[in-house]
Each structure stands twice: as structure tokens, then as C-alpha cells.
Amino acid sequence: MPGLFESCDQMKRRMDEAEQVFYEVQERDDRPDFYEEVKPFVDKVKGEADVWKEEASAWVQTTSYPYLHESQMEDTYDNIMNASLQAYQRTTKEKQFKETLQAVEFILNSIQTQLKQES
């Protein structure tokens, strides 16, 4: 399923962007403009995450890999969306934010590893 593999790569890139935004926002004196910065990024991530979630959910129902489940796809989608928004909040704690990114990356890497083995 090359579409899902590429979607995982895209989500990794978006989470890298979110991490970069997080550190930039922490250094700023002003608050990010919601309509100029936050909303466009979150909307872009949502569009791509919706595609990823649909592909991942379809794949997880057909794979024989026993360690990934539908609930993990839901949780990962939620984590992707939360991270894309929390990156812009100065009150976001670094430890929690990084743990969220690591959880997302773990699932994305697990999917890609299994896809490679299946092909």
C-alpha cells in the first residue's frame, strides 16, 4: 500500500514542522496570529491527517500484524491534531509535547516497517 507509506512520511514531516514551530513560539515575545499562522497550519495537517487516518484504518483491518489496532490509529490521529495545535501554545510543556511526537512517530514507523515486510 504505497499510499499509506507516503502518508506516514507526510505525517512525519508535519510533526517535524510542528516541533520546529513549538520551539520558535517558545522564543517569541508575541503570540502567534490565529488566522495567519495557527489555522492555516492546523487545516493543512487536518486535511493530510484525514487521508492518513482513512488509509491507516483500512490497512489495519486487513493486515495480519497483531500489534497495531484501530484504536491506535484513532489515538495517533488525535495526537497528530493535538500536536499541530499545541505547537502554537506557549503554555505547552516541552516534555508532554515531545512525548506526543514520539508516540506518533512510533506508530508511523511501526506501520512503515510492517508495510515493507508485506511487500
PDB file of N, CA and C in Angstrom:
ATOM      1  N   MET A   1       0.852  -1.186   0.000  1.00  0.00           N
ATOM      2  CA  MET A   1       0.000   0.000   0.000  1.00  0.00           C
ATOM      3  C   MET A   1       0.899   1.251   0.000  1.00  0.00           C
ATOM      4  N   PRO A   2       1.375   1.653  -1.172  1.00  0.00           N
ATOM      5  CA  PRO A   2       2.297   2.794  -1.243  1.00  0.00           C
ATOM      6  C   PRO A   2       1.675   4.104  -0.780  1.00  0.00           C
ATOM      7  N   GLY A   3       0.369   4.259  -0.915  1.00  0.00           N
ATOM      8  CA  GLY A   3      -0.280   5.492  -0.464  1.00  0.00           C
ATOM      9  C   GLY A   3      -0.137   5.695   1.031  1.00  0.00           C
ATOM     10  N   LEU A   4      -0.308   4.637   1.787  1.00  0.00           N
ATOM     11  CA  LEU A   4      -0.186   4.728   3.240  1.00  0.00           C
ATOM     12  C   LEU A   4       1.257   5.002   3.644  1.00  0.00           C
ATOM     13  N   PHE A   5       2.201   4.362   2.984  1.00  0.00           N
ATOM     14  CA  PHE A   5       3.608   4.592   3.299  1.00  0.00           C
ATOM     15  C   PHE A   5       3.947   6.069   3.107  1.00  0.00           C
ATOM     16  N   GLU A   6       3.502   6.629   1.997  1.00  0.00           N
ATOM     17  CA  GLU A   6       3.756   8.045   1.711  1.00  0.00           C
ATOM     18  C   GLU A   6       3.014   8.952   2.688  1.00  0.00           C
ATOM     19  N   SER A   7       1.806   8.558   3.065  1.00  0.00           N
ATOM     20  CA  SER A   7       1.054   9.347   4.051  1.00  0.00           C
ATOM     21  C   SER A   7       1.773   9.370   5.398  1.00  0.00           C
ATOM     22  N   CYS A   8       2.378   8.249   5.761  1.00  0.00           N
ATOM     23  CA  CYS A   8       3.160   8.204   7.005  1.00  0.00           C
ATOM     24  C   CYS A   8       4.344   9.162   6.918  1.00  0.00           C
ATOM     25  N   ASP A   9       5.020   9.162   5.773  1.00  0.00           N
ATOM     26  CA  ASP A   9       6.127  10.107   5.580  1.00  0.00           C
ATOM     27  C   ASP A   9       5.638  11.545   5.697  1.00  0.00           C
ATOM     28  N   GLN A  10       4.480  11.821   5.109  1.00  0.00           N
ATOM     29  CA  GLN A  10       3.921  13.176   5.163  1.00  0.00           C
ATOM     30  C   GLN A  10       3.606  13.575   6.606  1.00  0.00           C
ATOM     31  N   MET A  11       3.044  12.665   7.381  1.00  0.00           N
ATOM     32  CA  MET A  11       2.733  12.971   8.777  1.00  0.00           C
ATOM     33  C   MET A  11       4.014  13.204   9.578  1.00  0.00           C
ATOM     34  N   LYS A  12       5.061  12.454   9.267  1.00  0.00           N
ATOM     35  CA  LYS A  12       6.346  12.682   9.942  1.00  0.00           C
ATOM     36  C   LYS A  12       6.866  14.085   9.645  1.00  0.00           C
ATOM     37  N   ARG A  13       6.746  14.492   8.378  1.00  0.00           N
ATOM     38  CA  ARG A  13       7.198  15.844   8.016  1.00  0.00           C
ATOM     39  C   ARG A  13       6.376  16.906   8.737  1.00  0.00           C
ATOM     40  N   ARG A  14       5.083  16.697   8.835  1.00  0.00           N
ATOM     41  CA  ARG A  14       4.228  17.669   9.530  1.00  0.00           C
ATOM     42  C   ARG A  14       4.562  17.726  11.016  1.00  0.00           C
ATOM     43  N   MET A  15       4.875  16.597  11.613  1.00  0.00           N
ATOM     44  CA  MET A  15       5.237  16.602  13.027  1.00  0.00           C
ATOM     45  C   MET A  15       6.602  17.261  13.229  1.00  0.00           C
ATOM     46  N   ASP A  16       7.500  17.112  12.270  1.00  0.00           N
ATOM     47  CA  ASP A  16       8.776  17.843  12.328  1.00  0.00           C
ATOM     48  C   ASP A  16       8.527  19.346  12.255  1.00  0.00           C
ATOM     49  N   GLU A  17       7.602  19.743  11.383  1.00  0.00           N
ATOM     50  CA  GLU A  17       7.241  21.160  11.287  1.00  0.00           C
ATOM     51  C   GLU A  17       6.642  21.652  12.599  1.00  0.00           C
ATOM     52  N   ALA A  18       5.764  20.840  13.188  1.00  0.00           N
ATOM     53  CA  ALA A  18       5.135  21.222  14.454  1.00  0.00           C
ATOM     54  C   ALA A  18       6.192  21.400  15.539  1.00  0.00           C
ATOM     55  N   GLU A  19       7.176  20.526  15.563  1.00  0.00           N
ATOM     56  CA  GLU A  19       8.243  20.648  16.556  1.00  0.00           C
ATOM     57  C   GLU A  19       9.035  21.941  16.341  1.00  0.00           C
ATOM     58  N   GLN A  20       9.320  22.241  15.103  1.00  0.00           N
ATOM     59  CA  GLN A  20      10.039  23.481  14.794  1.00  0.00           C
ATOM     60  C   GLN A  20       9.213  24.694  15.229  1.00  0.00           C
ATOM     61  N   VAL A  21       7.926  24.673  14.941  1.00  0.00           N
ATOM     62  CA  VAL A  21       7.030  25.764  15.348  1.00  0.00           C
ATOM     63  C   VAL A  21       7.028  25.895  16.865  1.00  0.00           C
ATOM     64  N   PHE A  22       6.954  24.762  17.557  1.00  0.00           N
ATOM     65  CA  PHE A  22       6.927  24.774  19.015  1.00  0.00           C
ATOM     66  C   PHE A  22       8.107  25.565  19.575  1.00  0.00           C
ATOM     67  N   TYR A  23       9.307  25.259  19.095  1.00  0.00           N
ATOM     68  CA  TYR A  23      10.498  25.936  19.617  1.00  0.00           C
ATOM     69  C   TYR A  23      10.548  27.403  19.199  1.00  0.00           C
ATOM     70  N   GLU A  24      10.077  27.710  18.011  1.00  0.00           N
ATOM     71  CA  GLU A  24      10.031  29.107  17.570  1.00  0.00           C
ATOM     72  C   GLU A  24       9.062  29.913  18.431  1.00  0.00           C
ATOM     73  N   VAL A  25       7.909  29.332  18.720  1.00  0.00           N
ATOM     74  CA  VAL A  25       6.896  30.025  19.527  1.00  0.00           C
ATOM     75  C   VAL A  25       7.405  30.258  20.947  1.00  0.00           C
ATOM     76  N   GLN A  26       8.148  29.304  21.482  1.00  0.00           N
ATOM     77  CA  GLN A  26       8.671  29.458  22.838  1.00  0.00           C
ATOM     78  C   GLN A  26       9.638  30.630  22.940  1.00  0.00           C
ATOM     79  N   GLU A  27      10.305  30.948  21.841  1.00  0.00           N
ATOM     80  CA  GLU A  27      11.292  32.031  21.825  1.00  0.00           C
ATOM     81  C   GLU A  27      10.678  33.400  21.531  1.00  0.00           C
ATOM     82  N   ARG A  28       9.472  33.420  21.040  1.00  0.00           N
ATOM     83  CA  ARG A  28       8.842  34.674  20.628  1.00  0.00           C
ATOM     84  C   ARG A  28       8.299  35.453  21.812  1.00  0.00           C
ATOM     85  N   ASP A  29       8.231  36.761  21.626  1.00  0.00           N
ATOM     86  CA  ASP A  29       7.631  37.628  22.637  1.00  0.00           C
ATOM     87  C   ASP A  29       6.139  37.814  22.398  1.00  0.00           C
ATOM     88  N   ASP A  30       5.711  37.656  21.162  1.00  0.00           N
ATOM     89  CA  ASP A  30       4.299  37.847  20.835  1.00  0.00           C
ATOM     90  C   ASP A  30       3.607  36.499  20.651  1.00  0.00           C
ATOM     91  N   ARG A  31       2.299  36.549  20.624  1.00  0.00           N
ATOM     92  CA  ARG A  31       1.511  35.341  20.397  1.00  0.00           C
ATOM     93  C   ARG A  31       1.302  35.152  18.903  1.00  0.00           C
ATOM     94  N   PRO A  32       1.321  33.925  18.430  1.00  0.00           N
ATOM     95  CA  PRO A  32       1.069  33.683  17.006  1.00  0.00           C
ATOM     96  C   PRO A  32      -0.340  34.146  16.631  1.00  0.00           C
ATOM     97  N   ASP A  33      -0.463  34.710  15.461  1.00  0.00           N
ATOM     98  CA  ASP A  33      -1.767  35.143  14.965  1.00  0.00           C
ATOM     99  C   ASP A  33      -2.568  33.912  14.556  1.00  0.00           C
ATOM    100  N   PHE A  34      -3.759  33.790  15.117  1.00  0.00           N
ATOM    101  CA  PHE A  34      -4.562  32.594  14.876  1.00  0.00           C
ATOM    102  C   PHE A  34      -4.885  32.414  13.400  1.00  0.00           C
ATOM    103  N   TYR A  35      -5.364  33.468  12.750  1.00  0.00           N
ATOM    104  CA  TYR A  35      -5.818  33.342  11.363  1.00  0.00           C
ATOM    105  C   TYR A  35      -4.675  33.345  10.352  1.00  0.00           C
ATOM    106  N   GLU A  36      -3.553  33.920  10.716  1.00  0.00           N
ATOM    107  CA  GLU A  36      -2.418  33.994   9.793  1.00  0.00           C
ATOM    108  C   GLU A  36      -1.470  32.799   9.924  1.00  0.00           C
ATOM    109  N   GLU A  37      -1.352  32.245  11.121  1.00  0.00           N
ATOM    110  CA  GLU A  37      -0.370  31.183  11.352  1.00  0.00           C
ATOM    111  C   GLU A  37      -0.997  29.866  11.804  1.00  0.00           C
ATOM    112  N   VAL A  38      -1.774  29.926  12.872  1.00  0.00           N
ATOM    113  CA  VAL A  38      -2.270  28.698  13.501  1.00  0.00           C
ATOM    114  C   VAL A  38      -3.257  27.962  12.599  1.00  0.00           C
ATOM    115  N   LYS A  39      -4.326  28.630  12.222  1.00  0.00           N
ATOM    116  CA  LYS A  39      -5.383  27.978  11.445  1.00  0.00           C
ATOM    117  C   LYS A  39      -4.883  27.389  10.126  1.00  0.00           C
ATOM    118  N   PRO A  40      -4.075  28.124   9.340  1.00  0.00           N
ATOM    119  CA  PRO A  40      -3.601  27.514   8.087  1.00  0.00           C
ATOM    120  C   PRO A  40      -2.798  26.225   8.308  1.00  0.00           C
ATOM    121  N   PHE A  41      -1.952  26.216   9.328  1.00  0.00           N
ATOM    122  CA  PHE A  41      -1.155  25.016   9.592  1.00  0.00           C
ATOM    123  C   PHE A  41      -2.044  23.870  10.064  1.00  0.00           C
ATOM    124  N   VAL A  42      -2.919  24.145  11.001  1.00  0.00           N
ATOM    125  CA  VAL A  42      -3.796  23.094  11.528  1.00  0.00           C
ATOM    126  C   VAL A  42      -4.709  22.559  10.426  1.00  0.00           C
ATOM    127  N   ASP A  43      -5.226  23.437   9.578  1.00  0.00           N
ATOM    128  CA  ASP A  43      -6.078  22.992   8.470  1.00  0.00           C
ATOM    129  C   ASP A  43      -5.311  22.099   7.499  1.00  0.00           C
ATOM    130  N   LYS A  44      -4.068  22.466   7.202  1.00  0.00           N
ATOM    131  CA  LYS A  44      -3.237  21.663   6.300  1.00  0.00           C
ATOM    132  C   LYS A  44      -2.990  20.286   6.915  1.00  0.00           C
ATOM    133  N   VAL A  45      -2.634  20.272   8.191  1.00  0.00           N
ATOM    134  CA  VAL A  45      -2.381  18.997   8.867  1.00  0.00           C
ATOM    135  C   VAL A  45      -3.653  18.161   8.908  1.00  0.00           C
ATOM    136  N   LYS A  46      -4.782  18.786   9.193  1.00  0.00           N
ATOM    137  CA  LYS A  46      -6.044  18.045   9.274  1.00  0.00           C
ATOM    138  C   LYS A  46      -6.377  17.375   7.948  1.00  0.00           C
ATOM    139  N   GLY A  47      -6.226  18.110   6.857  1.00  0.00           N
ATOM    140  CA  GLY A  47      -6.512  17.527   5.547  1.00  0.00           C
ATOM    141  C   GLY A  47      -5.659  16.301   5.271  1.00  0.00           C
ATOM    142  N   GLU A  48      -4.383  16.403   5.575  1.00  0.00           N
ATOM    143  CA  GLU A  48      -3.471  15.281   5.342  1.00  0.00           C
ATOM    144  C   GLU A  48      -3.681  14.164   6.362  1.00  0.00           C
ATOM    145  N   ALA A  49      -3.977  14.528   7.598  1.00  0.00           N
ATOM    146  CA  ALA A  49      -4.208  13.520   8.638  1.00  0.00           C
ATOM    147  C   ALA A  49      -5.499  12.750   8.376  1.00  0.00           C
ATOM    148  N   ASP A  50      -6.503  13.417   7.816  1.00  0.00           N
ATOM    149  CA  ASP A  50      -7.746  12.722   7.466  1.00  0.00           C
ATOM    150  C   ASP A  50      -7.477  11.624   6.440  1.00  0.00           C
ATOM    151  N   VAL A  51      -6.653  11.936   5.445  1.00  0.00           N
ATOM    152  CA  VAL A  51      -6.282  10.941   4.430  1.00  0.00           C
ATOM    153  C   VAL A  51      -5.497   9.808   5.086  1.00  0.00           C
ATOM    154  N   TRP A  52      -4.522  10.173   5.927  1.00  0.00           N
ATOM    155  CA  TRP A  52      -3.719   9.153   6.610  1.00  0.00           C
ATOM    156  C   TRP A  52      -4.605   8.228   7.435  1.00  0.00           C
ATOM    157  N   LYS A  53      -5.516   8.813   8.202  1.00  0.00           N
ATOM    158  CA  LYS A  53      -6.375   8.017   9.087  1.00  0.00           C
ATOM    159  C   LYS A  53      -7.228   7.042   8.284  1.00  0.00           C
ATOM    160  N   GLU A  54      -7.777   7.501   7.180  1.00  0.00           N
ATOM    161  CA  GLU A  54      -8.602   6.628   6.346  1.00  0.00           C
ATOM    162  C   GLU A  54      -7.770   5.461   5.801  1.00  0.00           C
ATOM    163  N   GLU A  55      -6.581   5.775   5.298  1.00  0.00           N
ATOM    164  CA  GLU A  55      -5.706   4.727   4.764  1.00  0.00           C
ATOM    165  C   GLU A  55      -5.235   3.776   5.863  1.00  0.00           C
ATOM    166  N   ALA A  56      -4.850   4.333   7.002  1.00  0.00           N
ATOM    167  CA  ALA A  56      -4.347   3.507   8.103  1.00  0.00           C
ATOM    168  C   ALA A  56      -5.446   2.614   8.668  1.00  0.00           C
ATOM    169  N   SER A  57      -6.644   3.152   8.795  1.00  0.00           N
ATOM    170  CA  SER A  57      -7.757   2.357   9.322  1.00  0.00           C
ATOM    171  C   SER A  57      -8.104   1.209   8.385  1.00  0.00           C
ATOM    172  N   ALA A  58      -8.105   1.479   7.085  1.00  0.00           N
ATOM    173  CA  ALA A  58      -8.388   0.419   6.115  1.00  0.00           C
ATOM    174  C   ALA A  58      -7.294  -0.647   6.160  1.00  0.00           C
ATOM    175  N   TRP A  59      -6.050  -0.207   6.258  1.00  0.00           N
ATOM    176  CA  TRP A  59      -4.933  -1.150   6.275  1.00  0.00           C
ATOM    177  C   TRP A  59      -4.934  -2.011   7.531  1.00  0.00           C
ATOM    178  N   VAL A  60      -5.160  -1.392   8.691  1.00  0.00           N
ATOM    179  CA  VAL A  60      -5.065  -2.134   9.952  1.00  0.00           C
ATOM    180  C   VAL A  60      -6.148  -3.215  10.036  1.00  0.00           C
ATOM    181  N   GLN A  61      -7.244  -3.033   9.320  1.00  0.00           N
ATOM    182  CA  GLN A  61      -8.305  -4.047   9.314  1.00  0.00           C
ATOM    183  C   GLN A  61      -7.952  -5.246   8.438  1.00  0.00           C
ATOM    184  N   THR A  62      -7.017  -5.047   7.509  1.00  0.00           N
ATOM    185  CA  THR A  62      -6.678  -6.132   6.589  1.00  0.00           C
ATOM    186  C   THR A  62      -5.323  -6.774   6.877  1.00  0.00           C
ATOM    187  N   THR A  63      -4.500  -6.142   7.682  1.00  0.00           N
ATOM    188  CA  THR A  63      -3.167  -6.684   7.940  1.00  0.00           C
ATOM    189  C   THR A  63      -3.224  -7.820   8.952  1.00  0.00           C
ATOM    190  N   SER A  64      -2.256  -8.686   8.839  1.00  0.00           N
ATOM    191  CA  SER A  64      -2.166  -9.785   9.807  1.00  0.00           C
ATOM    192  C   SER A  64      -1.254  -9.419  10.974  1.00  0.00           C
ATOM    193  N   TYR A  65      -0.726  -8.196  10.957  1.00  0.00           N
ATOM    194  CA  TYR A  65       0.184  -7.747  12.013  1.00  0.00           C
ATOM    195  C   TYR A  65      -0.600  -7.574  13.313  1.00  0.00           C
ATOM    196  N   PRO A  66      -0.268  -8.323  14.363  1.00  0.00           N
ATOM    197  CA  PRO A  66      -1.101  -8.338  15.566  1.00  0.00           C
ATOM    198  C   PRO A  66      -0.874  -7.183  16.543  1.00  0.00           C
ATOM    199  N   TYR A  67       0.116  -6.332  16.294  1.00  0.00           N
ATOM    200  CA  TYR A  67       0.471  -5.327  17.297  1.00  0.00           C
ATOM    201  C   TYR A  67      -0.033  -3.928  16.991  1.00  0.00           C
ATOM    202  N   LEU A  68      -0.803  -3.767  15.950  1.00  0.00           N
ATOM    203  CA  LEU A  68      -1.422  -2.476  15.635  1.00  0.00           C
ATOM    204  C   LEU A  68      -2.927  -2.673  15.527  1.00  0.00           C
ATOM    205  N   HIS A  69      -3.664  -1.756  16.137  1.00  0.00           N
ATOM    206  CA  HIS A  69      -5.115  -1.885  16.196  1.00  0.00           C
ATOM    207  C   HIS A  69      -5.786  -0.570  15.816  1.00  0.00           C
ATOM    208  N   GLU A  70      -7.050  -0.655  15.498  1.00  0.00           N
ATOM    209  CA  GLU A  70      -7.829   0.520  15.094  1.00  0.00           C
ATOM    210  C   GLU A  70      -7.771   1.628  16.139  1.00  0.00           C
ATOM    211  N   SER A  71      -7.838   1.265  17.405  1.00  0.00           N
ATOM    212  CA  SER A  71      -7.813   2.289  18.458  1.00  0.00           C
ATOM    213  C   SER A  71      -6.503   3.078  18.439  1.00  0.00           C
ATOM    214  N   GLN A  72      -5.410   2.429  18.060  1.00  0.00           N
ATOM    215  CA  GLN A  72      -4.130   3.135  17.964  1.00  0.00           C
ATOM    216  C   GLN A  72      -4.127   4.127  16.806  1.00  0.00           C
ATOM    217  N   MET A  73      -4.843   3.803  15.739  1.00  0.00           N
ATOM    218  CA  MET A  73      -4.944   4.737  14.612  1.00  0.00           C
ATOM    219  C   MET A  73      -5.732   5.977  15.048  1.00  0.00           C
ATOM    220  N   GLU A  74      -6.801   5.748  15.805  1.00  0.00           N
ATOM    221  CA  GLU A  74      -7.605   6.864  16.329  1.00  0.00           C
ATOM    222  C   GLU A  74      -6.767   7.733  17.263  1.00  0.00           C
ATOM    223  N   ASP A  75      -6.065   7.094  18.180  1.00  0.00           N
ATOM    224  CA  ASP A  75      -5.230   7.841  19.134  1.00  0.00           C
ATOM    225  C   ASP A  75      -4.121   8.610  18.424  1.00  0.00           C
ATOM    226  N   THR A  76      -3.527   7.994  17.421  1.00  0.00           N
ATOM    227  CA  THR A  76      -2.453   8.659  16.679  1.00  0.00           C
ATOM    228  C   THR A  76      -2.997   9.859  15.918  1.00  0.00           C
ATOM    229  N   TYR A  77      -4.152   9.698  15.320  1.00  0.00           N
ATOM    230  CA  TYR A  77      -4.798  10.827  14.632  1.00  0.00           C
ATOM    231  C   TYR A  77      -5.035  11.971  15.619  1.00  0.00           C
ATOM    232  N   ASP A  78      -5.580  11.647  16.773  1.00  0.00           N
ATOM    233  CA  ASP A  78      -5.821  12.673  17.800  1.00  0.00           C
ATOM    234  C   ASP A  78      -4.513  13.337  18.226  1.00  0.00           C
ATOM    235  N   ASN A  79      -3.467  12.549  18.397  1.00  0.00           N
ATOM    236  CA  ASN A  79      -2.167  13.105  18.782  1.00  0.00           C
ATOM    237  C   ASN A  79      -1.601  14.021  17.703  1.00  0.00           C
ATOM    238  N   ILE A  80      -1.769  13.645  16.449  1.00  0.00           N
ATOM    239  CA  ILE A  80      -1.309  14.490  15.341  1.00  0.00           C
ATOM    240  C   ILE A  80      -2.033  15.829  15.382  1.00  0.00           C
ATOM    241  N   MET A  81      -3.340  15.779  15.548  1.00  0.00           N
ATOM    242  CA  MET A  81      -4.126  17.017  15.564  1.00  0.00           C
ATOM    243  C   MET A  81      -3.784  17.863  16.789  1.00  0.00           C
ATOM    244  N   ASN A  82      -3.659  17.235  17.937  1.00  0.00           N
ATOM    245  CA  ASN A  82      -3.313  17.979  19.153  1.00  0.00           C
ATOM    246  C   ASN A  82      -1.940  18.623  19.041  1.00  0.00           C
ATOM    247  N   ALA A  83      -0.974  17.896  18.521  1.00  0.00           N
ATOM    248  CA  ALA A  83       0.382  18.440  18.393  1.00  0.00           C
ATOM    249  C   ALA A  83       0.412  19.623  17.437  1.00  0.00           C
ATOM    250  N   SER A  84      -0.369  19.545  16.368  1.00  0.00           N
ATOM    251  CA  SER A  84      -0.363  20.649  15.404  1.00  0.00           C
ATOM    252  C   SER A  84      -0.912  21.927  16.017  1.00  0.00           C
ATOM    253  N   LEU A  85      -1.813  21.804  16.953  1.00  0.00           N
ATOM    254  CA  LEU A  85      -2.369  22.975  17.631  1.00  0.00           C
ATOM    255  C   LEU A  85      -1.516  23.386  18.830  1.00  0.00           C
ATOM    256  N   GLN A  86      -1.093  22.427  19.622  1.00  0.00           N
ATOM    257  CA  GLN A  86      -0.313  22.736  20.823  1.00  0.00           C
ATOM    258  C   GLN A  86       1.047  23.348  20.502  1.00  0.00           C
ATOM    259  N   ALA A  87       1.541  23.125  19.302  1.00  0.00           N
ATOM    260  CA  ALA A  87       2.822  23.715  18.906  1.00  0.00           C
ATOM    261  C   ALA A  87       2.775  25.238  18.994  1.00  0.00           C
ATOM    262  N   TYR A  88       1.598  25.804  18.831  1.00  0.00           N
ATOM    263  CA  TYR A  88       1.438  27.261  18.831  1.00  0.00           C
ATOM    264  C   TYR A  88       1.107  27.836  20.204  1.00  0.00           C
ATOM    265  N   GLN A  89       0.981  26.992  21.208  1.00  0.00           N
ATOM    266  CA  GLN A  89       0.615  27.464  22.541  1.00  0.00           C
ATOM    267  C   GLN A  89       1.858  27.532  23.426  1.00  0.00           C
ATOM    268  N   ARG A  90       2.127  28.719  23.927  1.00  0.00           N
ATOM    269  CA  ARG A  90       3.322  28.894  24.758  1.00  0.00           C
ATOM    270  C   ARG A  90       3.222  28.140  26.079  1.00  0.00           C
ATOM    271  N   THR A  91       2.014  27.800  26.489  1.00  0.00           N
ATOM    272  CA  THR A  91       1.822  27.090  27.754  1.00  0.00           C
ATOM    273  C   THR A  91       2.068  25.585  27.626  1.00  0.00           C
ATOM    274  N   THR A  92       2.265  25.105  26.410  1.00  0.00           N
ATOM    275  CA  THR A  92       2.517  23.684  26.201  1.00  0.00           C
ATOM    276  C   THR A  92       3.853  23.299  26.830  1.00  0.00           C
ATOM    277  N   LYS A  93       3.826  22.257  27.612  1.00  0.00           N
ATOM    278  CA  LYS A  93       5.042  21.764  28.268  1.00  0.00           C
ATOM    279  C   LYS A  93       5.873  20.951  27.270  1.00  0.00           C
ATOM    280  N   GLU A  94       7.157  21.213  27.248  1.00  0.00           N
ATOM    281  CA  GLU A  94       8.047  20.564  26.287  1.00  0.00           C
ATOM    282  C   GLU A  94       8.027  19.043  26.433  1.00  0.00           C
ATOM    283  N   LYS A  95       8.096  18.549  27.654  1.00  0.00           N
ATOM    284  CA  LYS A  95       8.142  17.100  27.875  1.00  0.00           C
ATOM    285  C   LYS A  95       6.895  16.422  27.307  1.00  0.00           C
ATOM    286  N   GLN A  96       5.741  16.969  27.607  1.00  0.00           N
ATOM    287  CA  GLN A  96       4.490  16.394  27.118  1.00  0.00           C
ATOM    288  C   GLN A  96       4.424  16.466  25.592  1.00  0.00           C
ATOM    289  N   PHE A  97       4.834  17.594  25.034  1.00  0.00           N
ATOM    290  CA  PHE A  97       4.800  17.772  23.589  1.00  0.00           C
ATOM    291  C   PHE A  97       5.712  16.753  22.901  1.00  0.00           C
ATOM    292  N   LYS A  98       6.925  16.596  23.410  1.00  0.00           N
ATOM    293  CA  LYS A  98       7.873  15.654  22.813  1.00  0.00           C
ATOM    294  C   LYS A  98       7.379  14.208  22.939  1.00  0.00           C
ATOM    295  N   GLU A  99       6.740  13.885  24.053  1.00  0.00           N
ATOM    296  CA  GLU A  99       6.197  12.536  24.225  1.00  0.00           C
ATOM    297  C   GLU A  99       5.087  12.257  23.212  1.00  0.00           C
ATOM    298  N   THR A 100       4.282  13.269  22.942  1.00  0.00           N
ATOM    299  CA  THR A 100       3.230  13.124  21.937  1.00  0.00           C
ATOM    300  C   THR A 100       3.847  12.866  20.568  1.00  0.00           C
ATOM    301  N   LEU A 101       4.860  13.648  20.217  1.00  0.00           N
ATOM    302  CA  LEU A 101       5.532  13.458  18.928  1.00  0.00           C
ATOM    303  C   LEU A 101       6.170  12.075  18.836  1.00  0.00           C
ATOM    304  N   GLN A 102       6.758  11.611  19.931  1.00  0.00           N
ATOM    305  CA  GLN A 102       7.386  10.286  19.937  1.00  0.00           C
ATOM    306  C   GLN A 102       6.345   9.179  19.767  1.00  0.00           C
ATOM    307  N   ALA A 103       5.188   9.347  20.380  1.00  0.00           N
ATOM    308  CA  ALA A 103       4.121   8.353  20.244  1.00  0.00           C
ATOM    309  C   ALA A 103       3.648   8.276  18.795  1.00  0.00           C
ATOM    310  N   VAL A 104       3.491   9.436  18.172  1.00  0.00           N
ATOM    311  CA  VAL A 104       3.084   9.471  16.766  1.00  0.00           C
ATOM    312  C   VAL A 104       4.144   8.798  15.901  1.00  0.00           C
ATOM    313  N   GLU A 105       5.392   9.166  16.117  1.00  0.00           N
ATOM    314  CA  GLU A 105       6.478   8.616  15.311  1.00  0.00           C
ATOM    315  C   GLU A 105       6.576   7.096  15.470  1.00  0.00           C
ATOM    316  N   PHE A 106       6.367   6.602  16.677  1.00  0.00           N
ATOM    317  CA  PHE A 106       6.432   5.160  16.911  1.00  0.00           C
ATOM    318  C   PHE A 106       5.401   4.423  16.058  1.00  0.00           C
ATOM    319  N   ILE A 107       4.169   4.908  16.060  1.00  0.00           N
ATOM    320  CA  ILE A 107       3.113   4.255  15.281  1.00  0.00           C
ATOM    321  C   ILE A 107       3.402   4.365  13.789  1.00  0.00           C
ATOM    322  N   LEU A 108       3.801   5.549  13.337  1.00  0.00           N
ATOM    323  CA  LEU A 108       4.102   5.729  11.911  1.00  0.00           C
ATOM    324  C   LEU A 108       5.238   4.806  11.473  1.00  0.00           C
ATOM    325  N   ASN A 109       6.279   4.711  12.282  1.00  0.00           N
ATOM    326  CA  ASN A 109       7.397   3.816  11.962  1.00  0.00           C
ATOM    327  C   ASN A 109       6.969   2.354  11.982  1.00  0.00           C
ATOM    328  N   SER A 110       6.117   1.987  12.930  1.00  0.00           N
ATOM    329  CA  SER A 110       5.629   0.605  13.009  1.00  0.00           C
ATOM    330  C   SER A 110       4.835   0.238  11.762  1.00  0.00           C
ATOM    331  N   ILE A 111       3.993   1.152  11.314  1.00  0.00           N
ATOM    332  CA  ILE A 111       3.215   0.907  10.095  1.00  0.00           C
ATOM    333  C   ILE A 111       4.154   0.736   8.906  1.00  0.00           C
ATOM    334  N   GLN A 112       5.107   1.640   8.769  1.00  0.00           N
ATOM    335  CA  GLN A 112       6.012   1.570   7.623  1.00  0.00           C
ATOM    336  C   GLN A 112       6.868   0.307   7.646  1.00  0.00           C
ATOM    337  N   THR A 113       7.312  -0.101   8.810  1.00  0.00           N
ATOM    338  CA  THR A 113       8.096  -1.332   8.924  1.00  0.00           C
ATOM    339  C   THR A 113       7.273  -2.530   8.471  1.00  0.00           C
ATOM    340  N   GLN A 114       6.033  -2.587   8.916  1.00  0.00           N
ATOM    341  CA  GLN A 114       5.168  -3.700   8.532  1.00  0.00           C
ATOM    342  C   GLN A 114       4.837  -3.662   7.041  1.00  0.00           C
ATOM    343  N   LEU A 115       4.609  -2.473   6.506  1.00  0.00           N
ATOM    344  CA  LEU A 115       4.334  -2.357   5.068  1.00  0.00           C
ATOM    345  C   LEU A 115       5.515  -2.867   4.242  1.00  0.00           C
ATOM    346  N   LYS A 116       6.722  -2.566   4.681  1.00  0.00           N
ATOM    347  CA  LYS A 116       7.917  -3.051   3.971  1.00  0.00           C
ATOM    348  C   LYS A 116       7.981  -4.576   4.007  1.00  0.00           C
ATOM    349  N   GLN A 117       7.628  -5.155   5.143  1.00  0.00           N
ATOM    350  CA  GLN A 117       7.680  -6.613   5.274  1.00  0.00           C
ATOM    351  C   GLN A 117       6.601  -7.288   4.433  1.00  0.00           C
ATOM    352  N   GLU A 118       5.476  -6.613   4.269  1.00  0.00           N
ATOM    353  CA  GLU A 118       4.379  -7.194   3.495  1.00  0.00           C
ATOM    354  C   GLU A 118       4.631  -7.132   1.995  1.00  0.00           C
ATOM    355  N   SER A 119       5.476  -6.205   1.571  1.00  0.00           N
ATOM    356  CA  SER A 119       5.674  -6.054   0.118  1.00  0.00           C
ATOM    357  C   SER A 119       6.781  -6.942  -0.410  1.00  0.00           C
TER     358      SER A 119
END
